[in-house]
N, C-alpha and C. Protein backbone atom coordinates (compact mmCIF):
# COMPACT_ATOMS: atom_id res chain seq x y z
N MET A 1 -13.72 -8.27 -21.93
CA MET A 1 -14.08 -7.28 -20.95
C MET A 1 -11.90 -6.85 -20.82
N LYS A 2 -12.46 -5.65 -20.13
CA LYS A 2 -10.82 -5.27 -20.31
C LYS A 2 -10.19 -5.37 -18.21
N PRO A 3 -9.20 -5.79 -18.41
CA PRO A 3 -8.41 -5.43 -17.20
C PRO A 3 -8.28 -3.77 -16.87
N SER A 4 -8.46 -3.72 -15.51
CA SER A 4 -8.23 -2.56 -14.99
C SER A 4 -7.07 -2.79 -13.85
N LEU A 5 -6.04 -1.90 -13.33
CA LEU A 5 -5.55 -1.85 -12.52
C LEU A 5 -6.05 -0.97 -11.06
N THR A 6 -6.13 -1.21 -10.03
CA THR A 6 -6.32 -0.35 -8.79
C THR A 6 -5.28 -0.25 -8.16
N VAL A 7 -6.04 0.70 -7.20
CA VAL A 7 -4.95 0.89 -5.82
C VAL A 7 -5.98 1.29 -4.70
N ASP A 8 -5.49 1.03 -3.21
CA ASP A 8 -6.13 1.08 -2.20
C ASP A 8 -4.94 2.05 -0.96
N GLY A 9 -5.39 2.67 -0.73
CA GLY A 9 -4.49 3.13 0.35
C GLY A 9 -5.15 2.83 2.15
N VAL A 10 -4.32 2.67 3.07
CA VAL A 10 -4.62 2.81 4.27
C VAL A 10 -4.10 3.55 5.19
N LEU A 11 -4.71 4.46 5.90
CA LEU A 11 -3.93 5.29 7.05
C LEU A 11 -4.73 4.74 8.10
N ILE A 12 -3.91 4.36 9.00
CA ILE A 12 -3.95 4.52 10.52
C ILE A 12 -3.66 5.09 11.63
N ARG A 13 -4.26 5.44 12.38
CA ARG A 13 -4.13 6.65 13.43
C ARG A 13 -4.85 6.21 14.82
N ASP A 14 -4.61 5.90 15.79
CA ASP A 14 -4.77 5.83 17.28
C ASP A 14 -5.66 4.40 16.95
N GLY A 15 -5.33 3.42 16.24
CA GLY A 15 -5.57 2.25 16.14
C GLY A 15 -6.99 2.17 15.27
N ALA A 16 -7.00 3.54 14.56
CA ALA A 16 -8.57 3.38 13.76
C ALA A 16 -8.07 3.56 12.50
N ILE A 17 -8.73 3.15 11.44
CA ILE A 17 -8.63 2.86 10.03
C ILE A 17 -9.07 3.97 9.44
N LEU A 18 -8.77 4.82 8.47
CA LEU A 18 -9.70 5.56 7.81
C LEU A 18 -10.82 5.29 6.42
N LEU A 19 -11.73 5.44 6.52
CA LEU A 19 -12.46 4.58 5.32
C LEU A 19 -13.23 5.98 4.70
N VAL A 20 -13.81 5.37 3.76
CA VAL A 20 -14.77 6.82 3.04
C VAL A 20 -15.81 6.00 2.66
N GLN A 21 -16.94 6.92 2.30
CA GLN A 21 -18.17 6.34 2.21
C GLN A 21 -18.22 6.43 0.03
N ARG A 22 -18.68 5.38 -0.32
CA ARG A 22 -18.08 5.46 -1.82
C ARG A 22 -19.76 6.64 -2.15
N LYS A 23 -19.23 7.07 -3.40
CA LYS A 23 -20.04 8.03 -4.01
C LYS A 23 -20.75 7.05 -5.51
N HIS A 24 -20.14 6.24 -5.81
CA HIS A 24 -20.56 5.89 -6.80
C HIS A 24 -20.98 4.29 -7.06
N GLU A 25 -21.41 3.89 -8.09
CA GLU A 25 -21.44 2.39 -8.04
C GLU A 25 -20.13 1.47 -8.55
N PRO A 26 -20.41 0.58 -8.33
CA PRO A 26 -20.90 -0.57 -7.45
C PRO A 26 -20.89 0.18 -6.02
N PHE A 27 -21.75 -0.43 -5.00
CA PHE A 27 -21.45 -0.26 -3.24
C PHE A 27 -21.93 1.41 -2.96
N ARG A 28 -22.54 1.94 -3.83
CA ARG A 28 -22.95 3.42 -3.53
C ARG A 28 -23.38 3.58 -2.11
N GLY A 29 -22.42 4.63 -1.02
CA GLY A 29 -22.99 4.42 0.20
C GLY A 29 -22.44 3.55 1.21
N LYS A 30 -21.89 2.92 0.65
CA LYS A 30 -21.03 1.96 1.49
C LYS A 30 -19.85 2.14 2.15
N TRP A 31 -19.10 1.80 3.17
CA TRP A 31 -17.61 2.49 3.56
C TRP A 31 -16.74 1.23 2.85
N ALA A 32 -15.38 2.08 2.64
CA ALA A 32 -14.41 1.90 1.85
C ALA A 32 -13.08 2.27 1.53
N LEU A 33 -12.02 1.64 1.71
CA LEU A 33 -10.54 2.29 1.71
C LEU A 33 -10.56 3.12 0.42
N PRO A 34 -10.04 4.45 0.69
CA PRO A 34 -9.81 5.13 -0.36
C PRO A 34 -8.65 4.53 -0.74
N GLY A 35 -9.58 4.86 -2.74
CA GLY A 35 -8.52 4.23 -3.84
C GLY A 35 -9.40 4.07 -5.20
N GLY A 36 -8.82 3.73 -6.19
CA GLY A 36 -9.35 3.68 -7.25
C GLY A 36 -8.19 3.21 -8.46
N PHE A 37 -8.47 3.78 -9.68
CA PHE A 37 -8.23 3.38 -10.80
C PHE A 37 -6.65 4.00 -10.87
N VAL A 38 -5.83 3.15 -11.84
CA VAL A 38 -4.62 3.91 -11.93
C VAL A 38 -4.51 4.26 -13.67
N GLU A 39 -4.68 5.76 -13.35
CA GLU A 39 -4.23 5.56 -14.65
C GLU A 39 -3.13 5.94 -15.42
N TYR A 40 -3.48 5.50 -17.17
CA TYR A 40 -2.13 5.46 -18.46
C TYR A 40 -1.09 6.31 -17.94
N GLY A 41 -0.06 5.74 -17.40
CA GLY A 41 1.11 6.58 -17.82
C GLY A 41 1.25 6.60 -16.04
N GLU A 42 0.95 6.08 -15.49
CA GLU A 42 1.18 6.67 -13.85
C GLU A 42 1.16 5.65 -12.86
N THR A 43 2.46 6.04 -12.18
CA THR A 43 2.95 4.51 -11.02
C THR A 43 1.63 4.16 -10.21
N VAL A 44 1.48 3.28 -9.41
CA VAL A 44 0.74 2.66 -8.50
C VAL A 44 1.15 3.94 -7.51
N GLU A 45 2.12 4.27 -6.81
CA GLU A 45 2.59 5.13 -5.83
C GLU A 45 2.04 6.79 -6.21
N GLU A 46 2.02 6.98 -7.46
CA GLU A 46 1.15 7.83 -7.63
C GLU A 46 0.17 7.97 -7.57
N ALA A 47 -0.84 6.93 -8.03
CA ALA A 47 -2.09 7.24 -8.44
C ALA A 47 -2.76 6.81 -6.82
N VAL A 48 -2.06 5.99 -5.78
CA VAL A 48 -2.70 5.68 -4.58
C VAL A 48 -2.61 7.06 -3.94
N LEU A 49 -1.26 8.27 -4.11
CA LEU A 49 -1.38 9.43 -3.11
C LEU A 49 -2.34 10.21 -3.94
N ARG A 50 -2.71 10.02 -5.01
CA ARG A 50 -3.49 10.76 -5.88
C ARG A 50 -5.05 10.66 -5.38
N GLU A 51 -5.14 9.41 -5.44
CA GLU A 51 -6.58 9.23 -5.01
C GLU A 51 -6.74 9.17 -3.52
N PHE A 52 -5.67 9.44 -2.76
CA PHE A 52 -5.98 9.59 -1.35
C PHE A 52 -6.51 10.66 -0.97
N GLU A 53 -5.97 11.68 -2.07
CA GLU A 53 -6.01 12.89 -1.57
C GLU A 53 -7.33 13.51 -2.08
N GLU A 54 -7.78 12.88 -3.61
CA GLU A 54 -8.82 12.85 -3.92
C GLU A 54 -10.46 12.83 -2.95
N GLU A 55 -10.33 11.73 -2.67
CA GLU A 55 -11.12 11.19 -1.87
C GLU A 55 -11.52 11.66 -0.37
N THR A 56 -10.15 12.14 0.11
CA THR A 56 -9.93 12.48 1.43
C THR A 56 -9.46 13.95 1.92
N GLY A 57 -9.09 14.49 0.71
CA GLY A 57 -9.01 15.81 1.01
C GLY A 57 -7.52 16.12 1.80
N LEU A 58 -7.12 15.20 2.18
CA LEU A 58 -6.02 15.39 3.03
C LEU A 58 -4.58 14.39 2.21
N SER A 59 -3.61 15.27 2.17
CA SER A 59 -1.92 15.41 1.20
C SER A 59 -1.29 14.17 2.40
N ALA A 60 -0.82 13.44 1.28
CA ALA A 60 -0.07 12.42 1.65
C ALA A 60 1.48 12.41 1.50
N HIS A 61 2.25 11.52 1.74
CA HIS A 61 3.68 11.90 1.14
C HIS A 61 4.13 10.58 0.91
N ARG A 62 5.53 10.60 0.27
CA ARG A 62 5.70 9.05 -0.41
C ARG A 62 5.33 7.90 0.48
N PRO A 63 4.43 6.81 -0.05
CA PRO A 63 4.06 5.51 0.35
C PRO A 63 5.04 4.51 0.69
N ASP A 64 4.58 4.35 2.06
CA ASP A 64 5.40 3.22 2.33
C ASP A 64 5.23 1.88 2.20
N VAL A 65 6.07 1.51 0.79
CA VAL A 65 4.84 -0.04 0.57
C VAL A 65 5.17 -1.13 1.44
N ARG A 66 3.98 -1.72 1.23
CA ARG A 66 3.96 -3.36 2.47
C ARG A 66 2.86 -4.13 1.07
N SER A 67 3.72 -5.27 0.96
CA SER A 67 2.81 -6.31 -0.02
C SER A 67 2.30 -7.37 0.88
N ARG A 68 1.12 -7.51 0.30
CA ARG A 68 0.43 -8.74 0.86
C ARG A 68 0.47 -10.01 0.08
N GLU A 69 0.79 -11.23 0.50
CA GLU A 69 1.07 -12.45 0.03
C GLU A 69 0.21 -12.76 -0.96
N LYS A 70 0.56 -13.06 -2.06
CA LYS A 70 -0.42 -13.04 -2.98
C LYS A 70 -1.55 -12.35 -3.25
N THR A 71 -1.18 -10.83 -3.13
CA THR A 71 -2.00 -9.75 -3.00
C THR A 71 -1.19 -9.00 -4.45
N ILE A 72 -2.12 -8.68 -5.49
CA ILE A 72 -1.40 -7.70 -6.61
C ILE A 72 -2.59 -6.56 -7.10
N PRO A 73 -2.36 -5.48 -6.89
CA PRO A 73 -0.99 -4.96 -6.50
C PRO A 73 -0.61 -4.80 -5.47
N PRO A 74 0.67 -4.31 -4.65
CA PRO A 74 0.65 -4.31 -2.97
C PRO A 74 -0.46 -2.89 -2.58
N HIS A 75 -0.42 -3.31 -1.20
CA HIS A 75 -1.14 -2.39 -0.69
C HIS A 75 -0.03 -1.74 0.07
N TYR A 76 -0.47 -0.09 -0.15
CA TYR A 76 0.28 1.08 0.52
C TYR A 76 -0.03 1.81 1.54
N TRP A 77 0.81 1.92 2.14
CA TRP A 77 0.50 2.48 3.69
C TRP A 77 1.08 4.23 3.52
N TRP A 78 0.63 5.09 4.52
CA TRP A 78 1.37 5.90 4.61
C TRP A 78 0.73 6.85 5.59
N LYS A 79 1.29 7.74 5.66
CA LYS A 79 1.16 9.05 7.23
C LYS A 79 0.55 10.07 6.50
N ALA A 80 -0.30 10.89 6.93
CA ALA A 80 -0.97 12.22 6.04
C ALA A 80 -0.02 13.14 6.80
N SER A 81 0.39 13.76 5.98
CA SER A 81 1.66 15.10 6.09
C SER A 81 1.27 16.01 7.50
N ASP A 82 -0.22 16.38 7.31
CA ASP A 82 -1.24 16.76 8.63
C ASP A 82 -1.70 15.92 9.37
N PRO A 83 -1.26 15.17 10.52
CA PRO A 83 -2.00 14.20 10.87
C PRO A 83 -3.32 14.41 11.76
N ASP A 84 -3.16 16.15 12.38
CA ASP A 84 -4.48 16.95 12.75
C ASP A 84 -5.79 16.90 11.47
N SER A 85 -5.33 17.11 10.59
CA SER A 85 -6.42 17.37 9.33
C SER A 85 -7.75 16.14 9.61
N GLN A 86 -8.39 16.66 9.00
CA GLN A 86 -9.93 16.06 8.81
C GLN A 86 -10.08 16.01 7.54
N PRO A 87 -10.78 14.51 6.97
CA PRO A 87 -11.57 15.13 5.60
C PRO A 87 -12.97 15.86 5.37
N PRO A 88 -12.89 16.18 4.57
CA PRO A 88 -14.14 17.42 4.26
C PRO A 88 -15.49 16.54 4.79
N ALA A 89 -16.27 17.76 5.08
CA ALA A 89 -17.50 16.98 5.43
C ALA A 89 -18.12 16.55 4.03
């Protein structure tokens, strides 16, 4: 089995956390944080921004890195560039 690096992003607004409904297995149809695999040659910062935009349709800017103890990779938090934008239906 080949190890793969993944990232997840968290957007919190008005006390709510943005979740996406998974399109693929595993856990198709379940709610999750937007995220996915880091591509070869991509930094984790680039990956979390790319995955966030791909999965929500929202643009984000430079992530505010906040690591959690004993968690690899760090979790990334960011603010949407347009806080009034809504994810595509």
